[in-house]
Amino acid sequence: MISEEIFYKFHSNHGAHIILEEHNSVAHRTFSFDDGLVFSEKHLQPGEFFVIEVEQNDDNWIGYLRLGLTQINPNIFSSKNIKIPKRAVPDLMELGITWVYNLSDLLPNITDSREISWPFNIEENKFDITEEYIKTCQGTYSRFNLKSLHNNDKIQKNHRLFEINTGFKIGVVYVPTNDTISELFYIINGDVLGPYAVGIPYNESPLYGVVDIFGKTKRIRVLQIQAEKSLKQMCRLIILKTHDMEKIKKSLLPKSIIDYLNFKSDII
């Protein structure tokens, strides 16, 4: 029985070897090493974290999960004429506009010996990061909730492969650079990495989180981590749910307000 409210779920359309559990918040690959694609149930907003935790690995295989964003609406797979690809790379990427990376290739960017001076920014209007929190245009995320609670959250190198251990918390987020394009970042155990993709159009089509439960990665859980929003951010959320952004752009509102509503600035 689940006590916490379920905000984030996996979409009911998924890879052939996947079963969903616990109100679609857990995805488990039951066979082989592929056919493990899962998608976020809903599309993501700018600055919104989509975070999963690795719950089980299978050492009979090699490689680890892939994570990213796609403009492919998972509802299209309800049609019998469109099959869910076996793998994110290259199959899903060939089907539509998708940005997915093998996370074990990204992990060398984290080193235990680095020193960070807090607080620091990853460019203006993208992230405000301290030891306690990460702020985006969506609100404030607690870094404690994003860190692994296991003792094996350090990056382990083994025969050139960087291991993604059980307990790892890994997320994806896109952050606008202007009113049409954005950049992709990853959050791994509370650290922000990136950008790993630039020029991602976010107003043309909704962006969904996509995970390929591949290789050693066998079972994952989508975490119910939401940003704490200010009153100003809550107002923006309500306005965007009830008004069309294109009409807002053509309105007589001050430019500073239009820019804020369009995630171009955090200042009104």
C-alpha atoms as a PDB file:
ATOM      1  CA  MET A   1       0.000   0.000   0.000  1.00  0.00           C
ATOM      2  CA  ILE A   2       1.364   3.412  -1.015  1.00  0.00           C
ATOM      3  CA  SER A   3       1.025   6.187   1.539  1.00  0.00           C
ATOM      4  CA  GLU A   4       2.371   9.106  -0.502  1.00  0.00           C
ATOM      5  CA  GLU A   5       0.392  10.813  -3.229  1.00  0.00           C
ATOM      6  CA  ILE A   6       1.342   9.790  -6.758  1.00  0.00           C
ATOM      7  CA  PHE A   7       2.166  12.855  -8.876  1.00  0.00           C
ATOM      8  CA  TYR A   8       4.472  11.175 -11.374  1.00  0.00           C
ATOM      9  CA  LYS A   9       3.750   7.921 -13.185  1.00  0.00           C
ATOM     10  CA  PHE A  10       5.008   5.958 -16.150  1.00  0.00           C
ATOM     11  CA  HIS A  11       2.808   5.920 -19.225  1.00  0.00           C
ATOM     12  CA  SER A  12       0.728   2.791 -19.754  1.00  0.00           C
ATOM     13  CA  ASN A  13       2.362   2.295 -23.166  1.00  0.00           C
ATOM     14  CA  HIS A  14       5.791   0.739 -22.641  1.00  0.00           C
ATOM     15  CA  GLY A  15       8.308  -1.801 -23.925  1.00  0.00           C
ATOM     16  CA  ALA A  16       7.333  -5.453 -24.396  1.00  0.00           C
ATOM     17  CA  HIS A  17       9.458  -6.695 -21.468  1.00  0.00           C
ATOM     18  CA  ILE A  18       8.157  -4.121 -18.964  1.00  0.00           C
ATOM     19  CA  ILE A  19       5.544  -4.540 -16.271  1.00  0.00           C
ATOM     20  CA  LEU A  20       4.308  -1.564 -14.250  1.00  0.00           C
ATOM     21  CA  GLU A  21       3.610  -1.806 -10.530  1.00  0.00           C
ATOM     22  CA  GLU A  22       2.463   0.377  -7.624  1.00  0.00           C
ATOM     23  CA  HIS A  23       0.049   2.556  -9.580  1.00  0.00           C
ATOM     24  CA  ASN A  24       2.482   2.791 -12.513  1.00  0.00           C
ATOM     25  CA  SER A  25       5.193   4.388 -10.394  1.00  0.00           C
ATOM     26  CA  VAL A  26       7.531   1.363 -10.687  1.00  0.00           C
ATOM     27  CA  ALA A  27       8.808  -0.179 -13.936  1.00  0.00           C
ATOM     28  CA  HIS A  28      10.353  -3.664 -13.966  1.00  0.00           C
ATOM     29  CA  ARG A  29      12.016  -5.359 -16.936  1.00  0.00           C
ATOM     30  CA  THR A  30      11.152  -9.038 -16.659  1.00  0.00           C
ATOM     31  CA  PHE A  31      13.161 -10.572 -19.498  1.00  0.00           C
ATOM     32  CA  SER A  32      16.321 -10.133 -21.583  1.00  0.00           C
ATOM     33  CA  PHE A  33      18.264  -6.837 -21.649  1.00  0.00           C
ATOM     34  CA  ASP A  34      16.140  -4.634 -23.943  1.00  0.00           C
ATOM     35  CA  ASP A  35      12.515  -3.880 -24.866  1.00  0.00           C
ATOM     36  CA  GLY A  36      12.523  -1.770 -21.711  1.00  0.00           C
ATOM     37  CA  LEU A  37      11.299   1.660 -22.848  1.00  0.00           C
ATOM     38  CA  VAL A  38       9.099   3.668 -20.473  1.00  0.00           C
ATOM     39  CA  PHE A  39       7.799   7.225 -20.751  1.00  0.00           C
ATOM     40  CA  SER A  40       6.534   9.844 -18.347  1.00  0.00           C
ATOM     41  CA  GLU A  41       2.758   9.766 -18.198  1.00  0.00           C
ATOM     42  CA  LYS A  42       2.548  13.517 -18.746  1.00  0.00           C
ATOM     43  CA  HIS A  43       4.742  15.934 -20.644  1.00  0.00           C
ATOM     44  CA  LEU A  44       7.255  17.966 -18.627  1.00  0.00           C
ATOM     45  CA  GLN A  45       7.300  21.705 -18.015  1.00  0.00           C
ATOM     46  CA  PRO A  46      10.443  23.864 -18.330  1.00  0.00           C
ATOM     47  CA  GLY A  47      12.590  23.485 -15.231  1.00  0.00           C
ATOM     48  CA  GLU A  48      10.591  20.473 -13.999  1.00  0.00           C
ATOM     49  CA  PHE A  49      12.644  17.509 -12.735  1.00  0.00           C
ATOM     50  CA  PHE A  50      11.717  13.977 -13.805  1.00  0.00           C
ATOM     51  CA  VAL A  51      13.654  11.768 -11.375  1.00  0.00           C
ATOM     52  CA  ILE A  52      13.951   7.985 -11.094  1.00  0.00           C
ATOM     53  CA  GLU A  53      15.678   5.751  -8.559  1.00  0.00           C
ATOM     54  CA  VAL A  54      17.402   2.505  -9.521  1.00  0.00           C
ATOM     55  CA  GLU A  55      15.932  -0.260  -7.353  1.00  0.00           C
ATOM     56  CA  GLN A  56      17.420  -3.394  -8.886  1.00  0.00           C
ATOM     57  CA  ASN A  57      20.270  -4.397 -11.191  1.00  0.00           C
ATOM     58  CA  ASP A  58      20.955  -7.650 -13.036  1.00  0.00           C
ATOM     59  CA  ASP A  59      24.678  -8.456 -13.293  1.00  0.00           C
ATOM     60  CA  ASN A  60      24.082 -10.967 -16.103  1.00  0.00           C
ATOM     61  CA  TRP A  61      24.113  -8.104 -18.614  1.00  0.00           C
ATOM     62  CA  ILE A  62      26.318  -5.126 -19.498  1.00  0.00           C
ATOM     63  CA  GLY A  63      25.423  -1.477 -19.908  1.00  0.00           C
ATOM     64  CA  TYR A  64      22.941   0.633 -17.966  1.00  0.00           C
ATOM     65  CA  LEU A  65      19.790   2.672 -18.401  1.00  0.00           C
ATOM     66  CA  ARG A  66      19.472   5.520 -20.899  1.00  0.00           C
ATOM     67  CA  LEU A  67      17.521   8.651 -20.006  1.00  0.00           C
ATOM     68  CA  GLY A  68      16.393  11.728 -21.872  1.00  0.00           C
ATOM     69  CA  LEU A  69      13.591  13.636 -23.563  1.00  0.00           C
ATOM     70  CA  THR A  70      11.392  12.967 -26.562  1.00  0.00           C
ATOM     71  CA  GLN A  71       8.804  14.859 -28.570  1.00  0.00           C
ATOM     72  CA  ILE A  72       7.129  11.536 -29.356  1.00  0.00           C
ATOM     73  CA  ASN A  73       3.778  11.402 -27.586  1.00  0.00           C
ATOM     74  CA  PRO A  74       3.577   7.892 -26.057  1.00  0.00           C
ATOM     75  CA  ASN A  75      -0.154   7.844 -26.836  1.00  0.00           C
ATOM     76  CA  ILE A  76       0.732   7.089 -30.472  1.00  0.00           C
ATOM     77  CA  PHE A  77       1.741   3.596 -29.404  1.00  0.00           C
ATOM     78  CA  SER A  78      -1.881   2.820 -28.625  1.00  0.00           C
ATOM     79  CA  SER A  79      -2.250   2.269 -32.360  1.00  0.00           C
ATOM     80  CA  LYS A  80      -1.625  -1.307 -33.455  1.00  0.00           C
ATOM     81  CA  ASN A  81       0.247   0.047 -36.475  1.00  0.00           C
ATOM     82  CA  ILE A  82       2.983   1.703 -34.378  1.00  0.00           C
ATOM     83  CA  LYS A  83       5.153  -0.562 -32.233  1.00  0.00           C
ATOM     84  CA  ILE A  84       7.249   0.649 -29.341  1.00  0.00           C
ATOM     85  CA  PRO A  85      10.928   0.431 -30.341  1.00  0.00           C
ATOM     86  CA  LYS A  86      13.149  -2.130 -28.642  1.00  0.00           C
ATOM     87  CA  ARG A  87      15.758   0.452 -27.629  1.00  0.00           C
ATOM     88  CA  ALA A  88      16.071   4.192 -27.192  1.00  0.00           C
ATOM     89  CA  VAL A  89      19.337   4.265 -29.156  1.00  0.00           C
ATOM     90  CA  PRO A  90      19.067   4.166 -32.092  1.00  0.00           C
ATOM     91  CA  ASP A  91      15.494   2.874 -32.565  1.00  0.00           C
ATOM     92  CA  LEU A  92      13.466   5.551 -30.751  1.00  0.00           C
ATOM     93  CA  MET A  93      15.721   8.315 -32.040  1.00  0.00           C
ATOM     94  CA  GLU A  94      15.047   7.145 -35.606  1.00  0.00           C
ATOM     95  CA  LEU A  95      11.295   7.232 -34.991  1.00  0.00           C
ATOM     96  CA  GLY A  96      11.136  10.876 -33.926  1.00  0.00           C
ATOM     97  CA  ILE A  97      12.864  13.841 -32.339  1.00  0.00           C
ATOM     98  CA  THR A  98      14.540  12.440 -29.219  1.00  0.00           C
ATOM     99  CA  TRP A  99      17.496  13.315 -27.007  1.00  0.00           C
ATOM    100  CA  VAL A 100      18.714  10.260 -25.059  1.00  0.00           C
ATOM    101  CA  TYR A 101      22.133   9.473 -23.592  1.00  0.00           C
ATOM    102  CA  ASN A 102      23.860   6.449 -22.133  1.00  0.00           C
ATOM    103  CA  LEU A 103      24.311   7.641 -18.573  1.00  0.00           C
ATOM    104  CA  SER A 104      27.394   5.541 -17.887  1.00  0.00           C
ATOM    105  CA  ASP A 105      29.116   7.729 -20.506  1.00  0.00           C
ATOM    106  CA  LEU A 106      28.205  10.846 -18.524  1.00  0.00           C
ATOM    107  CA  LEU A 107      29.440   9.751 -15.121  1.00  0.00           C
ATOM    108  CA  PRO A 108      33.143  10.460 -15.748  1.00  0.00           C
ATOM    109  CA  ASN A 109      32.151  14.138 -15.487  1.00  0.00           C
ATOM    110  CA  ILE A 110      31.651  13.682 -11.740  1.00  0.00           C
ATOM    111  CA  THR A 111      34.799  13.352  -9.646  1.00  0.00           C
ATOM    112  CA  ASP A 112      35.015  12.855  -5.901  1.00  0.00           C
ATOM    113  CA  SER A 113      37.946  15.255  -5.655  1.00  0.00           C
ATOM    114  CA  ARG A 114      36.303  18.355  -7.116  1.00  0.00           C
ATOM    115  CA  GLU A 115      35.774  21.411  -4.933  1.00  0.00           C
ATOM    116  CA  ILE A 116      32.706  23.596  -5.357  1.00  0.00           C
ATOM    117  CA  SER A 117      32.211  27.047  -3.927  1.00  0.00           C
ATOM    118  CA  TRP A 118      28.604  27.528  -2.773  1.00  0.00           C
ATOM    119  CA  PRO A 119      26.415  29.073  -3.927  1.00  0.00           C
ATOM    120  CA  PHE A 120      26.999  29.090  -7.669  1.00  0.00           C
ATOM    121  CA  ASN A 121      24.938  29.534 -10.839  1.00  0.00           C
ATOM    122  CA  ILE A 122      24.950  27.545 -14.068  1.00  0.00           C
ATOM    123  CA  GLU A 123      24.344  30.638 -16.184  1.00  0.00           C
ATOM    124  CA  GLU A 124      21.708  33.232 -15.449  1.00  0.00           C
ATOM    125  CA  ASN A 125      18.065  32.079 -15.244  1.00  0.00           C
ATOM    126  CA  LYS A 126      18.993  28.375 -15.410  1.00  0.00           C
ATOM    127  CA  PHE A 127      19.939  27.139 -11.949  1.00  0.00           C
ATOM    128  CA  ASP A 128      20.638  28.608  -8.565  1.00  0.00           C
ATOM    129  CA  ILE A 129      22.418  25.929  -6.536  1.00  0.00           C
ATOM    130  CA  THR A 130      23.491  25.790  -2.923  1.00  0.00           C
ATOM    131  CA  GLU A 131      24.415  22.884  -0.670  1.00  0.00           C
ATOM    132  CA  GLU A 132      20.751  22.615   0.362  1.00  0.00           C
ATOM    133  CA  TYR A 133      18.705  23.301  -2.755  1.00  0.00           C
ATOM    134  CA  ILE A 134      18.485  23.633  -6.539  1.00  0.00           C
ATOM    135  CA  LYS A 135      16.277  26.423  -7.885  1.00  0.00           C
ATOM    136  CA  THR A 136      14.856  26.399 -11.411  1.00  0.00           C
ATOM    137  CA  CYS A 137      12.111  28.362 -13.124  1.00  0.00           C
ATOM    138  CA  GLN A 138       9.677  25.754 -11.712  1.00  0.00           C
ATOM    139  CA  GLY A 139      10.611  26.338  -8.084  1.00  0.00           C
ATOM    140  CA  THR A 140      12.983  25.019  -5.423  1.00  0.00           C
ATOM    141  CA  TYR A 141      14.088  21.376  -5.136  1.00  0.00           C
ATOM    142  CA  SER A 142      15.686  19.979  -1.976  1.00  0.00           C
ATOM    143  CA  ARG A 143      19.063  18.424  -2.752  1.00  0.00           C
ATOM    144  CA  PHE A 144      18.571  16.050   0.181  1.00  0.00           C
ATOM    145  CA  ASN A 145      15.631  14.453  -1.650  1.00  0.00           C
ATOM    146  CA  LEU A 146      17.768  14.098  -4.768  1.00  0.00           C
ATOM    147  CA  LYS A 147      20.706  12.363  -3.097  1.00  0.00           C
ATOM    148  CA  SER A 148      21.099   8.605  -2.765  1.00  0.00           C
ATOM    149  CA  LEU A 149      20.488   7.305   0.747  1.00  0.00           C
ATOM    150  CA  HIS A 150      22.694   4.261   0.100  1.00  0.00           C
ATOM    151  CA  ASN A 151      26.372   3.914   0.850  1.00  0.00           C
ATOM    152  CA  ASN A 152      27.093   3.020  -2.770  1.00  0.00           C
ATOM    153  CA  ASP A 153      26.276   6.425  -4.258  1.00  0.00           C
ATOM    154  CA  LYS A 154      29.899   7.079  -5.175  1.00  0.00           C
ATOM    155  CA  ILE A 155      30.831   6.631  -8.800  1.00  0.00           C
ATOM    156  CA  GLN A 156      32.596   3.300  -9.244  1.00  0.00           C
ATOM    157  CA  LYS A 157      34.863   2.574 -12.206  1.00  0.00           C
ATOM    158  CA  ASN A 158      35.192  -1.040 -13.306  1.00  0.00           C
ATOM    159  CA  HIS A 159      36.935  -2.069 -16.534  1.00  0.00           C
ATOM    160  CA  ARG A 160      36.263   1.313 -18.182  1.00  0.00           C
ATOM    161  CA  LEU A 161      32.547   1.136 -17.338  1.00  0.00           C
ATOM    162  CA  PHE A 162      31.093   3.519 -14.798  1.00  0.00           C
ATOM    163  CA  GLU A 163      28.565   1.702 -12.663  1.00  0.00           C
ATOM    164  CA  ILE A 164      25.062   2.957 -11.919  1.00  0.00           C
ATOM    165  CA  ASN A 165      24.375   1.306  -8.581  1.00  0.00           C
ATOM    166  CA  THR A 166      21.071   0.536  -6.932  1.00  0.00           C
ATOM    167  CA  GLY A 167      19.944   3.561  -4.968  1.00  0.00           C
ATOM    168  CA  PHE A 168      21.169   6.040  -7.590  1.00  0.00           C
ATOM    169  CA  LYS A 169      18.717   8.912  -8.126  1.00  0.00           C
ATOM    170  CA  ILE A 170      18.889  10.204 -11.678  1.00  0.00           C
ATOM    171  CA  GLY A 171      16.799  12.908 -13.294  1.00  0.00           C
ATOM    172  CA  VAL A 172      16.408  14.940 -16.459  1.00  0.00           C
ATOM    173  CA  VAL A 173      15.318  18.552 -16.936  1.00  0.00           C
ATOM    174  CA  TYR A 174      15.187  21.057 -19.781  1.00  0.00           C
ATOM    175  CA  VAL A 175      15.790  24.758 -19.251  1.00  0.00           C
ATOM    176  CA  PRO A 176      14.849  27.469 -21.785  1.00  0.00           C
ATOM    177  CA  THR A 177      17.525  29.704 -23.244  1.00  0.00           C
ATOM    178  CA  ASN A 178      14.962  31.840 -25.103  1.00  0.00           C
ATOM    179  CA  ASP A 179      11.278  31.624 -26.036  1.00  0.00           C
ATOM    180  CA  THR A 180      11.765  28.763 -28.499  1.00  0.00           C
ATOM    181  CA  ILE A 181      14.720  26.562 -27.532  1.00  0.00           C
ATOM    182  CA  SER A 182      16.110  24.943 -24.408  1.00  0.00           C
ATOM    183  CA  GLU A 183      18.975  22.803 -23.086  1.00  0.00           C
ATOM    184  CA  LEU A 184      19.017  19.366 -21.455  1.00  0.00           C
ATOM    185  CA  PHE A 185      20.636  18.767 -18.071  1.00  0.00           C
ATOM    186  CA  TYR A 186      20.900  15.708 -15.829  1.00  0.00           C
ATOM    187  CA  ILE A 187      20.664  15.475 -12.053  1.00  0.00           C
ATOM    188  CA  ILE A 188      22.656  12.562 -10.609  1.00  0.00           C
ATOM    189  CA  ASN A 189      22.504  12.080  -6.829  1.00  0.00           C
ATOM    190  CA  GLY A 190      21.925  15.789  -6.310  1.00  0.00           C
ATOM    191  CA  ASP A 191      24.555  17.067  -8.768  1.00  0.00           C
ATOM    192  CA  VAL A 192      23.597  18.982 -11.929  1.00  0.00           C
ATOM    193  CA  LEU A 193      25.435  17.970 -15.106  1.00  0.00           C
ATOM    194  CA  GLY A 194      25.227  19.579 -18.515  1.00  0.00           C
ATOM    195  CA  PRO A 195      24.071  20.869 -20.801  1.00  0.00           C
ATOM    196  CA  TYR A 196      24.215  17.656 -22.843  1.00  0.00           C
ATOM    197  CA  ALA A 197      21.933  18.810 -25.624  1.00  0.00           C
ATOM    198  CA  VAL A 198      21.244  22.333 -26.858  1.00  0.00           C
ATOM    199  CA  GLY A 199      18.795  23.854 -29.291  1.00  0.00           C
ATOM    200  CA  ILE A 200      15.888  21.694 -28.087  1.00  0.00           C
ATOM    201  CA  PRO A 201      12.578  23.222 -29.275  1.00  0.00           C
ATOM    202  CA  TYR A 202      10.124  23.225 -26.385  1.00  0.00           C
ATOM    203  CA  ASN A 203       7.232  25.255 -27.802  1.00  0.00           C
ATOM    204  CA  GLU A 204       6.758  23.209 -30.991  1.00  0.00           C
ATOM    205  CA  SER A 205       5.659  20.044 -29.231  1.00  0.00           C
ATOM    206  CA  PRO A 206       5.459  18.771 -25.623  1.00  0.00           C
ATOM    207  CA  LEU A 207       8.537  17.034 -24.226  1.00  0.00           C
ATOM    208  CA  TYR A 208       8.197  13.726 -22.362  1.00  0.00           C
ATOM    209  CA  GLY A 209      10.704  12.003 -20.142  1.00  0.00           C
ATOM    210  CA  VAL A 210      11.901   8.665 -21.553  1.00  0.00           C
ATOM    211  CA  VAL A 211      13.888   5.898 -19.843  1.00  0.00           C
ATOM    212  CA  ASP A 212      15.375   2.839 -21.509  1.00  0.00           C
ATOM    213  CA  ILE A 213      15.679   0.204 -18.760  1.00  0.00           C
ATOM    214  CA  PHE A 214      18.611  -1.415 -20.488  1.00  0.00           C
ATOM    215  CA  GLY A 215      21.347  -3.922 -19.667  1.00  0.00           C
ATOM    216  CA  LYS A 216      22.118  -4.251 -15.968  1.00  0.00           C
ATOM    217  CA  THR A 217      19.377  -1.839 -14.943  1.00  0.00           C
ATOM    218  CA  LYS A 218      16.299  -3.952 -14.180  1.00  0.00           C
ATOM    219  CA  ARG A 219      13.850  -2.052 -11.971  1.00  0.00           C
ATOM    220  CA  ILE A 220      13.307   1.675 -11.438  1.00  0.00           C
ATOM    221  CA  ARG A 221      10.905   3.903  -9.521  1.00  0.00           C
ATOM    222  CA  VAL A 222       9.782   7.378 -10.542  1.00  0.00           C
ATOM    223  CA  LEU A 223      10.189   9.604  -7.485  1.00  0.00           C
ATOM    224  CA  GLN A 224       7.473  11.919  -6.218  1.00  0.00           C
ATOM    225  CA  ILE A 225       9.731  14.952  -5.989  1.00  0.00           C
ATOM    226  CA  GLN A 226       8.066  18.286  -6.632  1.00  0.00           C
ATOM    227  CA  ALA A 227       9.435  21.811  -6.511  1.00  0.00           C
ATOM    228  CA  GLU A 228       8.296  24.190  -3.804  1.00  0.00           C
ATOM    229  CA  LYS A 229       6.813  27.103  -5.702  1.00  0.00           C
ATOM    230  CA  SER A 230       6.644  30.759  -4.771  1.00  0.00           C
ATOM    231  CA  LEU A 231       3.336  32.639  -5.085  1.00  0.00           C
ATOM    232  CA  LYS A 232       4.654  34.195  -8.287  1.00  0.00           C
ATOM    233  CA  GLN A 233       5.451  30.773  -9.759  1.00  0.00           C
ATOM    234  CA  MET A 234       2.050  29.417  -8.723  1.00  0.00           C
ATOM    235  CA  CYS A 235       0.366  32.333 -10.505  1.00  0.00           C
ATOM    236  CA  ARG A 236       2.357  31.622 -13.663  1.00  0.00           C
ATOM    237  CA  LEU A 237       1.333  27.962 -13.533  1.00  0.00           C
ATOM    238  CA  ILE A 238      -2.361  28.856 -13.272  1.00  0.00           C
ATOM    239  CA  ILE A 239      -2.155  31.481 -16.044  1.00  0.00           C
ATOM    240  CA  LEU A 240      -0.462  29.052 -18.443  1.00  0.00           C
ATOM    241  CA  LYS A 241      -3.084  26.404 -17.718  1.00  0.00           C
ATOM    242  CA  THR A 242      -5.924  28.781 -18.572  1.00  0.00           C
ATOM    243  CA  HIS A 243      -4.459  31.005 -21.312  1.00  0.00           C
ATOM    244  CA  ASP A 244      -2.750  30.387 -24.648  1.00  0.00           C
ATOM    245  CA  MET A 245       0.886  31.536 -24.679  1.00  0.00           C
ATOM    246  CA  GLU A 246       0.685  32.766 -28.266  1.00  0.00           C
ATOM    247  CA  LYS A 247      -2.179  35.083 -27.322  1.00  0.00           C
ATOM    248  CA  ILE A 248      -0.234  36.282 -24.287  1.00  0.00           C
ATOM    249  CA  LYS A 249       2.716  37.201 -26.526  1.00  0.00           C
ATOM    250  CA  LYS A 250       0.413  39.373 -28.667  1.00  0.00           C
ATOM    251  CA  SER A 251      -1.235  41.029 -25.665  1.00  0.00           C
ATOM    252  CA  LEU A 252      -0.557  44.486 -24.232  1.00  0.00           C
ATOM    253  CA  LEU A 253       1.087  43.074 -21.116  1.00  0.00           C
ATOM    254  CA  PRO A 254       4.510  44.533 -20.230  1.00  0.00           C
ATOM    255  CA  LYS A 255       7.416  42.698 -21.845  1.00  0.00           C
ATOM    256  CA  SER A 256       8.826  41.724 -18.439  1.00  0.00           C
ATOM    257  CA  ILE A 257       5.619  39.861 -17.562  1.00  0.00           C
ATOM    258  CA  ILE A 258       5.443  38.137 -20.955  1.00  0.00           C
ATOM    259  CA  ASP A 259       9.089  37.064 -20.601  1.00  0.00           C
ATOM    260  CA  TYR A 260       8.386  35.669 -17.132  1.00  0.00           C
ATOM    261  CA  LEU A 261       5.340  33.742 -18.307  1.00  0.00           C
ATOM    262  CA  ASN A 262       7.405  32.340 -21.178  1.00  0.00           C
ATOM    263  CA  PHE A 263      10.239  31.215 -18.812  1.00  0.00           C
ATOM    264  CA  LYS A 264      12.683  33.673 -20.393  1.00  0.00           C
ATOM    265  CA  SER A 265      13.293  35.499 -17.134  1.00  0.00           C
ATOM    266  CA  ASP A 266      12.710  35.015 -13.433  1.00  0.00           C
ATOM    267  CA  ILE A 267      12.347  38.736 -12.869  1.00  0.00           C
ATOM    268  CA  ILE A 268       9.180  40.788 -13.401  1.00  0.00           C
END
